[in-house]
Structures are given as C-alpha cells and as structure tokens.
C-alpha cells in the first residue's frame, strides 16, 4: 500500500498569481469558513510567526481568528490581508450595476508585494 503525504495547500502558495487564484476561488464559496481557511493557508505559506510580528497580533490570536467557525474582526482580517499584500475589490457579477432584486457582486483579489 502506498503512503502519501497529506496535502497542504500552503506548500503550493509560492507566487502572487497562485495566491490570487486560490483566494478568488475561496471567495466564490458561500461558506465563509472556506475563505478563512484559504487566508490561513496563505498566512502559513508566508510564515505565521513573521505575520504575527508584522501585524502586531499574537500568533495564537492569528490561529484563532483563522479557525473555521471563528468570527474574526473586520480590522483583523484587513491587517492580515494588508501585510500579505492582498487587495480585495468588489465589482458587479454581471459587469453591470446589480439590480435591487439581485444584489449580487463578485469580489476580486489582487496580490502584490508577496514574498515567500
């Protein structure tokens, strides 16, 4: 029987384009835990200890904030994304302004300044 190492997305998040695609896919899922898990993977790829220093947050606090089911503060997520070089922007999903009945929009990620 073959032994396989467990898959860890953080091992593959080593360039800006991959990170942007990964986070964009996570944002498309209606479950907010999927996005938190994706940000956690990107944070682990960056290095949690370094990220804690750069954000001024405790390492344990970062892990708690990015745990599925957590309800992190908006400013905590913004700090993380800023330090990771990630910019989120919103645009209408159809390329037009959303109608009041629909209200849907797509959020895009832009990753810049990421260094592994």
PDB file of N, CA and C in Angstrom:
ATOM      1  N   UNK A   1       0.842  -1.178   0.000  1.00  0.00           N
ATOM      2  CA  UNK A   1       0.000   0.000   0.000  1.00  0.00           C
ATOM      3  C   UNK A   1       0.892   1.248   0.000  1.00  0.00           C
ATOM      4  N   UNK A   2       0.578   2.195  -0.854  1.00  0.00           N
ATOM      5  CA  UNK A   2       1.387   3.405  -0.986  1.00  0.00           C
ATOM      6  C   UNK A   2       1.077   4.374   0.146  1.00  0.00           C
ATOM      7  N   UNK A   3       2.104   5.018   0.638  1.00  0.00           N
ATOM      8  CA  UNK A   3       1.945   6.062   1.646  1.00  0.00           C
ATOM      9  C   UNK A   3       2.052   7.413   0.966  1.00  0.00           C
ATOM     10  N   UNK A   4       1.099   8.262   1.241  1.00  0.00           N
ATOM     11  CA  UNK A   4       1.088   9.593   0.670  1.00  0.00           C
ATOM     12  C   UNK A   4       1.182  10.614   1.789  1.00  0.00           C
ATOM     13  N   UNK A   5       1.899  11.678   1.529  1.00  0.00           N
ATOM     14  CA  UNK A   5       1.958  12.782   2.482  1.00  0.00           C
ATOM     15  C   UNK A   5       0.632  13.533   2.413  1.00  0.00           C
ATOM     16  N   UNK A   6       0.170  14.040   3.531  1.00  0.00           N
ATOM     17  CA  UNK A   6      -1.074  14.818   3.498  1.00  0.00           C
ATOM     18  C   UNK A   6      -0.900  16.068   2.628  1.00  0.00           C
ATOM     19  N   UNK A   7      -1.955  16.417   1.921  1.00  0.00           N
ATOM     20  CA  UNK A   7      -1.921  17.607   1.071  1.00  0.00           C
ATOM     21  C   UNK A   7      -1.962  18.852   1.946  1.00  0.00           C
ATOM     22  N   UNK A   8      -1.108  19.802   1.654  1.00  0.00           N
ATOM     23  CA  UNK A   8      -1.082  21.081   2.358  1.00  0.00           C
ATOM     24  C   UNK A   8      -0.993  22.181   1.302  1.00  0.00           C
ATOM     25  N   UNK A   9      -2.092  22.918   1.148  1.00  0.00           N
ATOM     26  CA  UNK A   9      -2.135  23.968   0.125  1.00  0.00           C
ATOM     27  C   UNK A   9      -1.028  24.996   0.315  1.00  0.00           C
ATOM     28  N   UNK A  10      -0.619  25.247   1.555  1.00  0.00           N
ATOM     29  CA  UNK A  10       0.418  26.238   1.829  1.00  0.00           C
ATOM     30  C   UNK A  10       1.720  25.912   1.094  1.00  0.00           C
ATOM     31  N   UNK A  11       1.960  24.644   0.825  1.00  0.00           N
ATOM     32  CA  UNK A  11       3.176  24.232   0.119  1.00  0.00           C
ATOM     33  C   UNK A  11       3.199  24.730  -1.331  1.00  0.00           C
ATOM     34  N   UNK A  12       2.052  25.095  -1.869  1.00  0.00           N
ATOM     35  CA  UNK A  12       1.942  25.481  -3.273  1.00  0.00           C
ATOM     36  C   UNK A  12       1.641  26.965  -3.472  1.00  0.00           C
ATOM     37  N   UNK A  13       1.506  27.689  -2.384  1.00  0.00           N
ATOM     38  CA  UNK A  13       1.166  29.112  -2.457  1.00  0.00           C
ATOM     39  C   UNK A  13       2.446  29.936  -2.429  1.00  0.00           C
ATOM     40  N   UNK A  14       3.189  29.865  -3.511  1.00  0.00           N
ATOM     41  CA  UNK A  14       4.510  30.467  -3.527  1.00  0.00           C
ATOM     42  C   UNK A  14       4.678  31.601  -4.531  1.00  0.00           C
ATOM     43  N   UNK A  15       3.584  32.023  -5.158  1.00  0.00           N
ATOM     44  CA  UNK A  15       3.679  33.179  -6.047  1.00  0.00           C
ATOM     45  C   UNK A  15       2.346  33.926  -6.028  1.00  0.00           C
ATOM     46  N   UNK A  16       2.403  35.188  -6.430  1.00  0.00           N
ATOM     47  CA  UNK A  16       1.242  36.073  -6.351  1.00  0.00           C
ATOM     48  C   UNK A  16       0.045  35.579  -7.151  1.00  0.00           C
ATOM     49  N   UNK A  17       0.289  35.072  -8.338  1.00  0.00           N
ATOM     50  CA  UNK A  17      -0.814  34.620  -9.192  1.00  0.00           C
ATOM     51  C   UNK A  17      -1.545  33.428  -8.570  1.00  0.00           C
ATOM     52  N   UNK A  18      -0.792  32.481  -8.043  1.00  0.00           N
ATOM     53  CA  UNK A  18      -1.396  31.303  -7.405  1.00  0.00           C
ATOM     54  C   UNK A  18      -2.212  31.719  -6.185  1.00  0.00           C
ATOM     55  N   UNK A  19      -1.673  32.626  -5.398  1.00  0.00           N
ATOM     56  CA  UNK A  19      -2.378  33.098  -4.210  1.00  0.00           C
ATOM     57  C   UNK A  19      -3.677  33.802  -4.603  1.00  0.00           C
ATOM     58  N   UNK A  20      -3.610  34.668  -5.605  1.00  0.00           N
ATOM     59  CA  UNK A  20      -4.805  35.386  -6.054  1.00  0.00           C
ATOM     60  C   UNK A  20      -5.874  34.418  -6.551  1.00  0.00           C
ATOM     61  N   UNK A  21      -5.477  33.430  -7.345  1.00  0.00           N
ATOM     62  CA  UNK A  21      -6.438  32.440  -7.855  1.00  0.00           C
ATOM     63  C   UNK A  21      -7.052  31.638  -6.704  1.00  0.00           C
ATOM     64  N   UNK A  22      -6.233  31.258  -5.754  1.00  0.00           N
ATOM     65  CA  UNK A  22      -6.683  30.460  -4.611  1.00  0.00           C
ATOM     66  C   UNK A  22      -7.702  31.226  -3.772  1.00  0.00           C
ATOM     67  N   UNK A  23      -7.387  32.483  -3.461  1.00  0.00           N
ATOM     68  CA  UNK A  23      -8.313  33.289  -2.657  1.00  0.00           C
ATOM     69  C   UNK A  23      -9.586  33.627  -3.428  1.00  0.00           C
ATOM     70  N   UNK A  24      -9.458  33.867  -4.730  1.00  0.00           N
ATOM     71  CA  UNK A  24     -10.635  34.154  -5.544  1.00  0.00           C
ATOM     72  C   UNK A  24     -11.578  32.955  -5.559  1.00  0.00           C
ATOM     73  N   UNK A  25     -11.024  31.760  -5.699  1.00  0.00           N
ATOM     74  CA  UNK A  25     -11.848  30.544  -5.671  1.00  0.00           C
ATOM     75  C   UNK A  25     -12.516  30.392  -4.305  1.00  0.00           C
ATOM     76  N   UNK A  26     -11.804  30.701  -3.238  1.00  0.00           N
ATOM     77  CA  UNK A  26     -12.374  30.588  -1.888  1.00  0.00           C
ATOM     78  C   UNK A  26     -13.514  31.582  -1.689  1.00  0.00           C
ATOM     79  N   UNK A  27     -13.372  32.778  -2.254  1.00  0.00           N
ATOM     80  CA  UNK A  27     -14.424  33.791  -2.125  1.00  0.00           C
ATOM     81  C   UNK A  27     -15.703  33.400  -2.864  1.00  0.00           C
ATOM     82  N   UNK A  28     -15.584  32.538  -3.847  1.00  0.00           N
ATOM     83  CA  UNK A  28     -16.762  32.110  -4.606  1.00  0.00           C
ATOM     84  C   UNK A  28     -17.632  31.134  -3.827  1.00  0.00           C
ATOM     85  N   UNK A  29     -17.081  30.530  -2.784  1.00  0.00           N
ATOM     86  CA  UNK A  29     -17.844  29.590  -1.966  1.00  0.00           C
ATOM     87  C   UNK A  29     -18.707  30.374  -0.979  1.00  0.00           C
ATOM     88  N   UNK A  30     -19.982  30.018  -0.836  1.00  0.00           N
ATOM     89  CA  UNK A  30     -20.846  30.763   0.080  1.00  0.00           C
ATOM     90  C   UNK A  30     -20.511  30.537   1.559  1.00  0.00           C
ATOM     91  N   UNK A  31     -19.723  29.524   1.869  1.00  0.00           N
ATOM     92  CA  UNK A  31     -19.348  29.235   3.253  1.00  0.00           C
ATOM     93  C   UNK A  31     -18.169  30.121   3.652  1.00  0.00           C
ATOM     94  N   UNK A  32     -18.329  31.039   4.616  1.00  0.00           N
ATOM     95  CA  UNK A  32     -17.236  31.942   4.996  1.00  0.00           C
ATOM     96  C   UNK A  32     -16.025  31.212   5.570  1.00  0.00           C
ATOM     97  N   UNK A  33     -16.220  30.002   6.091  1.00  0.00           N
ATOM     98  CA  UNK A  33     -15.092  29.239   6.621  1.00  0.00           C
ATOM     99  C   UNK A  33     -14.100  28.856   5.528  1.00  0.00           C
ATOM    100  N   UNK A  34     -14.576  28.738   4.302  1.00  0.00           N
ATOM    101  CA  UNK A  34     -13.691  28.396   3.191  1.00  0.00           C
ATOM    102  C   UNK A  34     -12.696  29.539   2.955  1.00  0.00           C
ATOM    103  N   UNK A  35     -13.185  30.781   2.998  1.00  0.00           N
ATOM    104  CA  UNK A  35     -12.289  31.916   2.827  1.00  0.00           C
ATOM    105  C   UNK A  35     -11.310  32.019   3.996  1.00  0.00           C
ATOM    106  N   UNK A  36     -11.797  31.833   5.216  1.00  0.00           N
ATOM    107  CA  UNK A  36     -10.895  31.875   6.377  1.00  0.00           C
ATOM    108  C   UNK A  36      -9.803  30.813   6.264  1.00  0.00           C
ATOM    109  N   UNK A  37     -10.182  29.617   5.844  1.00  0.00           N
ATOM    110  CA  UNK A  37      -9.196  28.545   5.684  1.00  0.00           C
ATOM    111  C   UNK A  37      -8.177  28.907   4.605  1.00  0.00           C
ATOM    112  N   UNK A  38      -8.628  29.532   3.527  1.00  0.00           N
ATOM    113  CA  UNK A  38      -7.718  29.926   2.451  1.00  0.00           C
ATOM    114  C   UNK A  38      -6.757  31.013   2.930  1.00  0.00           C
ATOM    115  N   UNK A  39      -7.258  31.995   3.676  1.00  0.00           N
ATOM    116  CA  UNK A  39      -6.379  33.035   4.225  1.00  0.00           C
ATOM    117  C   UNK A  39      -5.387  32.402   5.190  1.00  0.00           C
ATOM    118  N   UNK A  40      -5.849  31.436   5.980  1.00  0.00           N
ATOM    119  CA  UNK A  40      -4.946  30.726   6.899  1.00  0.00           C
ATOM    120  C   UNK A  40      -3.839  30.009   6.119  1.00  0.00           C
ATOM    121  N   UNK A  41      -4.196  29.355   5.017  1.00  0.00           N
ATOM    122  CA  UNK A  41      -3.190  28.683   4.197  1.00  0.00           C
ATOM    123  C   UNK A  41      -2.160  29.674   3.653  1.00  0.00           C
ATOM    124  N   UNK A  42      -2.627  30.824   3.179  1.00  0.00           N
ATOM    125  CA  UNK A  42      -1.722  31.845   2.665  1.00  0.00           C
ATOM    126  C   UNK A  42      -0.843  32.376   3.796  1.00  0.00           C
ATOM    127  N   UNK A  43      -1.441  32.569   4.970  1.00  0.00           N
ATOM    128  CA  UNK A  43      -0.683  33.041   6.126  1.00  0.00           C
ATOM    129  C   UNK A  43       0.396  32.035   6.528  1.00  0.00           C
ATOM    130  N   UNK A  44       0.064  30.754   6.510  1.00  0.00           N
ATOM    131  CA  UNK A  44       1.055  29.723   6.846  1.00  0.00           C
ATOM    132  C   UNK A  44       2.166  29.683   5.807  1.00  0.00           C
ATOM    133  N   UNK A  45       1.825  29.893   4.543  1.00  0.00           N
ATOM    134  CA  UNK A  45       2.851  29.928   3.494  1.00  0.00           C
ATOM    135  C   UNK A  45       3.793  31.110   3.715  1.00  0.00           C
ATOM    136  N   UNK A  46       3.238  32.196   4.212  1.00  0.00           N
ATOM    137  CA  UNK A  46       4.031  33.409   4.489  1.00  0.00           C
ATOM    138  C   UNK A  46       4.868  33.228   5.750  1.00  0.00           C
ATOM    139  N   UNK A  47       4.347  32.461   6.698  1.00  0.00           N
ATOM    140  CA  UNK A  47       5.007  32.254   7.992  1.00  0.00           C
ATOM    141  C   UNK A  47       4.225  32.937   9.092  1.00  0.00           C
ATOM    142  N   UNK A  48       3.570  32.159   9.935  1.00  0.00           N
ATOM    143  CA  UNK A  48       2.706  32.729  10.973  1.00  0.00           C
ATOM    144  C   UNK A  48       3.485  33.596  11.965  1.00  0.00           C
ATOM    145  N   UNK A  49       4.673  33.182  12.352  1.00  0.00           N
ATOM    146  CA  UNK A  49       5.447  33.964  13.316  1.00  0.00           C
ATOM    147  C   UNK A  49       5.799  35.335  12.735  1.00  0.00           C
ATOM    148  N   UNK A  50       6.244  35.355  11.481  1.00  0.00           N
ATOM    149  CA  UNK A  50       6.581  36.628  10.832  1.00  0.00           C
ATOM    150  C   UNK A  50       5.330  37.475  10.655  1.00  0.00           C
ATOM    151  N   UNK A  51       4.237  36.851  10.277  1.00  0.00           N
ATOM    152  CA  UNK A  51       2.977  37.562  10.096  1.00  0.00           C
ATOM    153  C   UNK A  51       2.512  38.175  11.418  1.00  0.00           C
ATOM    154  N   UNK A  52       2.663  37.444  12.508  1.00  0.00           N
ATOM    155  CA  UNK A  52       2.294  37.963  13.828  1.00  0.00           C
ATOM    156  C   UNK A  52       3.121  39.214  14.144  1.00  0.00           C
ATOM    157  N   UNK A  53       4.418  39.165  13.883  1.00  0.00           N
ATOM    158  CA  UNK A  53       5.268  40.336  14.137  1.00  0.00           C
ATOM    159  C   UNK A  53       4.843  41.511  13.262  1.00  0.00           C
ATOM    160  N   UNK A  54       4.602  41.241  11.984  1.00  0.00           N
ATOM    161  CA  UNK A  54       4.271  42.309  11.039  1.00  0.00           C
ATOM    162  C   UNK A  54       2.917  42.956  11.317  1.00  0.00           C
ATOM    163  N   UNK A  55       1.967  42.188  11.854  1.00  0.00           N
ATOM    164  CA  UNK A  55       0.635  42.729  12.138  1.00  0.00           C
ATOM    165  C   UNK A  55       0.505  43.260  13.553  1.00  0.00           C
ATOM    166  N   UNK A  56       1.433  42.864  14.421  1.00  0.00           N
ATOM    167  CA  UNK A  56       1.328  43.260  15.823  1.00  0.00           C
ATOM    168  C   UNK A  56       0.330  42.408  16.592  1.00  0.00           C
ATOM    169  N   UNK A  57      -0.090  41.302  16.003  1.00  0.00           N
ATOM    170  CA  UNK A  57      -1.028  40.389  16.649  1.00  0.00           C
ATOM    171  C   UNK A  57      -0.262  39.182  17.182  1.00  0.00           C
ATOM    172  N   UNK A  58      -0.791  38.534  18.199  1.00  0.00           N
ATOM    173  CA  UNK A  58      -0.177  37.321  18.716  1.00  0.00           C
ATOM    174  C   UNK A  58      -0.384  36.160  17.756  1.00  0.00           C
ATOM    175  N   UNK A  59       0.596  35.265  17.711  1.00  0.00           N
ATOM    176  CA  UNK A  59       0.498  34.109  16.823  1.00  0.00           C
ATOM    177  C   UNK A  59      -0.733  33.278  17.151  1.00  0.00           C
ATOM    178  N   UNK A  60      -0.980  33.061  18.437  1.00  0.00           N
ATOM    179  CA  UNK A  60      -2.151  32.281  18.849  1.00  0.00           C
ATOM    180  C   UNK A  60      -3.438  32.974  18.427  1.00  0.00           C
ATOM    181  N   UNK A  61      -3.439  34.303  18.520  1.00  0.00           N
ATOM    182  CA  UNK A  61      -4.620  35.070  18.096  1.00  0.00           C
ATOM    183  C   UNK A  61      -4.875  34.907  16.605  1.00  0.00           C
ATOM    184  N   UNK A  62      -3.802  34.855  15.824  1.00  0.00           N
ATOM    185  CA  UNK A  62      -3.956  34.649  14.381  1.00  0.00           C
ATOM    186  C   UNK A  62      -4.578  33.289  14.091  1.00  0.00           C
ATOM    187  N   UNK A  63      -4.056  32.247  14.747  1.00  0.00           N
ATOM    188  CA  UNK A  63      -4.614  30.911  14.536  1.00  0.00           C
ATOM    189  C   UNK A  63      -6.095  30.877  14.919  1.00  0.00           C
ATOM    190  N   UNK A  64      -6.441  31.500  16.039  1.00  0.00           N
ATOM    191  CA  UNK A  64      -7.850  31.524  16.478  1.00  0.00           C
ATOM    192  C   UNK A  64      -8.722  32.282  15.488  1.00  0.00           C
ATOM    193  N   UNK A  65      -8.223  33.413  14.993  1.00  0.00           N
ATOM    194  CA  UNK A  65      -9.005  34.237  14.068  1.00  0.00           C
ATOM    195  C   UNK A  65      -9.264  33.519  12.751  1.00  0.00           C
ATOM    196  N   UNK A  66      -8.364  32.608  12.372  1.00  0.00           N
ATOM    197  CA  UNK A  66      -8.479  31.933  11.080  1.00  0.00           C
ATOM    198  C   UNK A  66      -8.966  30.499  11.196  1.00  0.00           C
ATOM    199  N   UNK A  67      -9.495  30.146  12.342  1.00  0.00           N
ATOM    200  CA  UNK A  67     -10.052  28.812  12.559  1.00  0.00           C
ATOM    201  C   UNK A  67     -11.465  28.759  11.986  1.00  0.00           C
ATOM    202  N   UNK A  68     -11.818  27.675  11.295  1.00  0.00           N
ATOM    203  CA  UNK A  68     -13.199  27.561  10.802  1.00  0.00           C
ATOM    204  C   UNK A  68     -14.202  27.768  11.941  1.00  0.00           C
ATOM    205  N   UNK A  69     -15.205  28.570  11.670  1.00  0.00           N
ATOM    206  CA  UNK A  69     -16.216  28.884  12.674  1.00  0.00           C
ATOM    207  C   UNK A  69     -15.911  30.155  13.442  1.00  0.00           C
ATOM    208  N   UNK A  70     -14.690  30.658  13.314  1.00  0.00           N
ATOM    209  CA  UNK A  70     -14.316  31.896  14.011  1.00  0.00           C
ATOM    210  C   UNK A  70     -15.052  33.072  13.380  1.00  0.00           C
ATOM    211  N   UNK A  71     -15.210  34.083  14.155  1.00  0.00           N
ATOM    212  CA  UNK A  71     -15.825  35.320  13.671  1.00  0.00           C
ATOM    213  C   UNK A  71     -14.824  36.455  13.909  1.00  0.00           C
ATOM    214  N   UNK A  72     -13.751  36.471  13.090  1.00  0.00           N
ATOM    215  CA  UNK A  72     -12.714  37.487  13.312  1.00  0.00           C
ATOM    216  C   UNK A  72     -13.235  38.887  13.032  1.00  0.00           C
ATOM    217  N   UNK A  73     -12.634  39.843  13.712  1.00  0.00           N
ATOM    218  CA  UNK A  73     -12.997  41.241  13.481  1.00  0.00           C
ATOM    219  C   UNK A  73     -12.562  41.643  12.071  1.00  0.00           C
ATOM    220  N   UNK A  74     -13.315  42.537  11.508  1.00  0.00           N
ATOM    221  CA  UNK A  74     -13.020  43.035  10.168  1.00  0.00           C
ATOM    222  C   UNK A  74     -11.624  43.653  10.118  1.00  0.00           C
ATOM    223  N   UNK A  75     -11.276  44.439  11.142  1.00  0.00           N
ATOM    224  CA  UNK A  75      -9.968  45.082  11.141  1.00  0.00           C
ATOM    225  C   UNK A  75      -8.827  44.071  11.253  1.00  0.00           C
ATOM    226  N   UNK A  76      -9.063  42.938  11.901  1.00  0.00           N
ATOM    227  CA  UNK A  76      -8.052  41.889  11.974  1.00  0.00           C
ATOM    228  C   UNK A  76      -7.786  41.313  10.587  1.00  0.00           C
ATOM    229  N   UNK A  77      -8.863  41.014   9.859  1.00  0.00           N
ATOM    230  CA  UNK A  77      -8.718  40.479   8.503  1.00  0.00           C
ATOM    231  C   UNK A  77      -8.035  41.506   7.598  1.00  0.00           C
ATOM    232  N   UNK A  78      -8.407  42.774   7.723  1.00  0.00           N
ATOM    233  CA  UNK A  78      -7.765  43.809   6.900  1.00  0.00           C
ATOM    234  C   UNK A  78      -6.274  43.905   7.188  1.00  0.00           C
ATOM    235  N   UNK A  79      -5.879  43.838   8.466  1.00  0.00           N
ATOM    236  CA  UNK A  79      -4.453  43.859   8.816  1.00  0.00           C
ATOM    237  C   UNK A  79      -3.722  42.699   8.160  1.00  0.00           C
ATOM    238  N   UNK A  80      -4.306  41.518   8.276  1.00  0.00           N
ATOM    239  CA  UNK A  80      -3.689  40.327   7.689  1.00  0.00           C
ATOM    240  C   UNK A  80      -3.523  40.487   6.186  1.00  0.00           C
ATOM    241  N   UNK A  81      -4.592  40.865   5.520  1.00  0.00           N
ATOM    242  CA  UNK A  81      -4.551  40.993   4.070  1.00  0.00           C
ATOM    243  C   UNK A  81      -3.555  42.065   3.640  1.00  0.00           C
ATOM    244  N   UNK A  82      -3.501  43.170   4.381  1.00  0.00           N
ATOM    245  CA  UNK A  82      -2.574  44.246   4.047  1.00  0.00           C
ATOM    246  C   UNK A  82      -1.125  43.755   4.140  1.00  0.00           C
ATOM    247  N   UNK A  83      -0.783  43.097   5.237  1.00  0.00           N
ATOM    248  CA  UNK A  83       0.582  42.597   5.421  1.00  0.00           C
ATOM    249  C   UNK A  83       0.926  41.538   4.387  1.00  0.00           C
ATOM    250  N   UNK A  84      -0.067  40.740   3.996  1.00  0.00           N
ATOM    251  CA  UNK A  84       0.160  39.708   2.983  1.00  0.00           C
ATOM    252  C   UNK A  84       0.214  40.285   1.571  1.00  0.00           C
ATOM    253  N   UNK A  85      -0.093  41.576   1.434  1.00  0.00           N
ATOM    254  CA  UNK A  85      -0.057  42.202   0.118  1.00  0.00           C
ATOM    255  C   UNK A  85      -1.270  41.885  -0.721  1.00  0.00           C
ATOM    256  N   UNK A  86      -2.395  41.628  -0.053  1.00  0.00           N
ATOM    257  CA  UNK A  86      -3.619  41.246  -0.747  1.00  0.00           C
ATOM    258  C   UNK A  86      -4.607  42.408  -0.716  1.00  0.00           C
ATOM    259  N   UNK A  87      -5.140  42.720  -1.872  1.00  0.00           N
ATOM    260  CA  UNK A  87      -6.141  43.778  -2.002  1.00  0.00           C
ATOM    261  C   UNK A  87      -7.428  43.144  -2.515  1.00  0.00           C
ATOM    262  N   UNK A  88      -8.513  43.352  -1.813  1.00  0.00           N
ATOM    263  CA  UNK A  88      -9.821  42.872  -2.256  1.00  0.00           C
ATOM    264  C   UNK A  88     -10.579  44.037  -2.859  1.00  0.00           C
ATOM    265  N   UNK A  89     -11.201  43.793  -4.002  1.00  0.00           N
ATOM    266  CA  UNK A  89     -12.040  44.798  -4.643  1.00  0.00           C
ATOM    267  C   UNK A  89     -13.363  44.152  -5.020  1.00  0.00           C
ATOM    268  N   UNK A  90     -14.401  44.943  -5.060  1.00  0.00           N
ATOM    269  CA  UNK A  90     -15.723  44.431  -5.410  1.00  0.00           C
ATOM    270  C   UNK A  90     -16.146  44.986  -6.763  1.00  0.00           C
ATOM    271  N   UNK A  91     -16.838  44.140  -7.526  1.00  0.00           N
ATOM    272  CA  UNK A  91     -17.394  44.575  -8.806  1.00  0.00           C
ATOM    273  C   UNK A  91     -18.681  43.795  -9.044  1.00  0.00           C
ATOM    274  N   UNK A  92     -19.601  44.361  -9.808  1.00  0.00           N
ATOM    275  CA  UNK A  92     -20.842  43.638 -10.096  1.00  0.00           C
ATOM    276  C   UNK A  92     -20.535  42.316 -10.799  1.00  0.00           C
ATOM    277  N   UNK A  93     -21.283  41.299 -10.472  1.00  0.00           N
ATOM    278  CA  UNK A  93     -21.028  39.981 -11.049  1.00  0.00           C
ATOM    279  C   UNK A  93     -21.345  39.909 -12.532  1.00  0.00           C
ATOM    280  N   UNK A  94     -22.249  40.741 -13.025  1.00  0.00           N
ATOM    281  CA  UNK A  94     -22.633  40.687 -14.434  1.00  0.00           C
ATOM    282  C   UNK A  94     -21.900  41.722 -15.281  1.00  0.00           C
ATOM    283  N   UNK A  95     -21.029  42.507 -14.651  1.00  0.00           N
ATOM    284  CA  UNK A  95     -20.368  43.576 -15.382  1.00  0.00           C
ATOM    285  C   UNK A  95     -21.207  44.844 -15.396  1.00  0.00           C
ATOM    286  N   UNK A  96     -22.409  44.768 -14.809  1.00  0.00           N
ATOM    287  CA  UNK A  96     -23.296  45.923 -14.699  1.00  0.00           C
ATOM    288  C   UNK A  96     -23.612  46.125 -13.228  1.00  0.00           C
ATOM    289  N   UNK A  97     -24.152  47.273 -12.918  1.00  0.00           N
ATOM    290  CA  UNK A  97     -24.560  47.523 -11.540  1.00  0.00           C
ATOM    291  C   UNK A  97     -25.638  46.512 -11.152  1.00  0.00           C
ATOM    292  N   UNK A  98     -25.565  45.937  -9.942  1.00  0.00           N
ATOM    293  CA  UNK A  98     -26.571  44.956  -9.541  1.00  0.00           C
ATOM    294  C   UNK A  98     -27.941  45.591  -9.394  1.00  0.00           C
ATOM    295  N   UNK A  99     -28.958  44.830  -9.746  1.00  0.00           N
ATOM    296  CA  UNK A  99     -30.315  45.319  -9.575  1.00  0.00           C
ATOM    297  C   UNK A  99     -30.699  45.149  -8.111  1.00  0.00           C
ATOM    298  N   UNK A 100     -31.648  45.949  -7.619  1.00  0.00           N
ATOM    299  CA  UNK A 100     -32.052  45.818  -6.222  1.00  0.00           C
ATOM    300  C   UNK A 100     -32.552  44.409  -5.881  1.00  0.00           C
ATOM    301  N   UNK A 101     -33.176  43.735  -6.832  1.00  0.00           N
ATOM    302  CA  UNK A 101     -33.686  42.385  -6.578  1.00  0.00           C
ATOM    303  C   UNK A 101     -32.568  41.358  -6.518  1.00  0.00           C
ATOM    304  N   UNK A 102     -31.523  41.568  -7.297  1.00  0.00           N
ATOM    305  CA  UNK A 102     -30.423  40.599  -7.370  1.00  0.00           C
ATOM    306  C   UNK A 102     -29.384  40.878  -6.296  1.00  0.00           C
ATOM    307  N   UNK A 103     -28.780  42.059  -6.337  1.00  0.00           N
ATOM    308  CA  UNK A 103     -27.820  42.478  -5.339  1.00  0.00           C
ATOM    309  C   UNK A 103     -26.512  41.706  -5.331  1.00  0.00           C
ATOM    310  N   UNK A 104     -26.276  40.858  -6.306  1.00  0.00           N
ATOM    311  CA  UNK A 104     -25.059  40.046  -6.287  1.00  0.00           C
ATOM    312  C   UNK A 104     -23.866  40.828  -6.813  1.00  0.00           C
ATOM    313  N   UNK A 105     -22.699  40.492  -6.307  1.00  0.00           N
ATOM    314  CA  UNK A 105     -21.453  41.100  -6.747  1.00  0.00           C
ATOM    315  C   UNK A 105     -20.344  40.080  -6.612  1.00  0.00           C
ATOM    316  N   UNK A 106     -19.282  40.291  -7.340  1.00  0.00           N
ATOM    317  CA  UNK A 106     -18.113  39.422  -7.273  1.00  0.00           C
ATOM    318  C   UNK A 106     -16.985  40.218  -6.632  1.00  0.00           C
ATOM    319  N   UNK A 107     -16.233  39.594  -5.751  1.00  0.00           N
ATOM    320  CA  UNK A 107     -15.085  40.235  -5.129  1.00  0.00           C
ATOM    321  C   UNK A 107     -13.828  39.651  -5.739  1.00  0.00           C
ATOM    322  N   UNK A 108     -12.935  40.517  -6.189  1.00  0.00           N
ATOM    323  CA  UNK A 108     -11.693  40.083  -6.818  1.00  0.00           C
ATOM    324  C   UNK A 108     -10.538  40.280  -5.855  1.00  0.00           C
ATOM    325  N   UNK A 109      -9.521  39.443  -5.984  1.00  0.00           N
ATOM    326  CA  UNK A 109      -8.322  39.616  -5.185  1.00  0.00           C
ATOM    327  C   UNK A 109      -7.187  40.095  -6.061  1.00  0.00           C
ATOM    328  N   UNK A 110      -6.362  40.921  -5.482  1.00  0.00           N
ATOM    329  CA  UNK A 110      -5.166  41.406  -6.157  1.00  0.00           C
ATOM    330  C   UNK A 110      -4.048  41.250  -5.144  1.00  0.00           C
ATOM    331  N   UNK A 111      -3.049  40.476  -5.472  1.00  0.00           N
ATOM    332  CA  UNK A 111      -1.955  40.218  -4.563  1.00  0.00           C
ATOM    333  C   UNK A 111      -0.725  40.938  -5.064  1.00  0.00           C
ATOM    334  N   UNK A 112      -0.151  41.743  -4.217  1.00  0.00           N
ATOM    335  CA  UNK A 112       1.066  42.452  -4.602  1.00  0.00           C
ATOM    336  C   UNK A 112       2.036  42.492  -3.451  1.00  0.00           C
ATOM    337  N   UNK A 113       3.286  42.458  -3.750  1.00  0.00           N
ATOM    338  CA  UNK A 113       4.311  42.565  -2.725  1.00  0.00           C
ATOM    339  C   UNK A 113       4.492  41.334  -1.890  1.00  0.00           C
ATOM    340  N   UNK A 114       3.979  40.201  -2.323  1.00  0.00           N
ATOM    341  CA  UNK A 114       4.131  38.966  -1.559  1.00  0.00           C
ATOM    342  C   UNK A 114       5.520  38.409  -1.768  1.00  0.00           C
ATOM    343  N   UNK A 115       6.184  38.108  -0.685  1.00  0.00           N
ATOM    344  CA  UNK A 115       7.495  37.473  -0.778  1.00  0.00           C
ATOM    345  C   UNK A 115       7.526  36.286   0.145  1.00  0.00           C
ATOM    346  N   UNK A 116       7.898  35.149  -0.357  1.00  0.00           N
ATOM    347  CA  UNK A 116       7.927  33.939   0.465  1.00  0.00           C
ATOM    348  C   UNK A 116       9.251  33.817   1.150  1.00  0.00           C
TER     349      UNK A 116
END
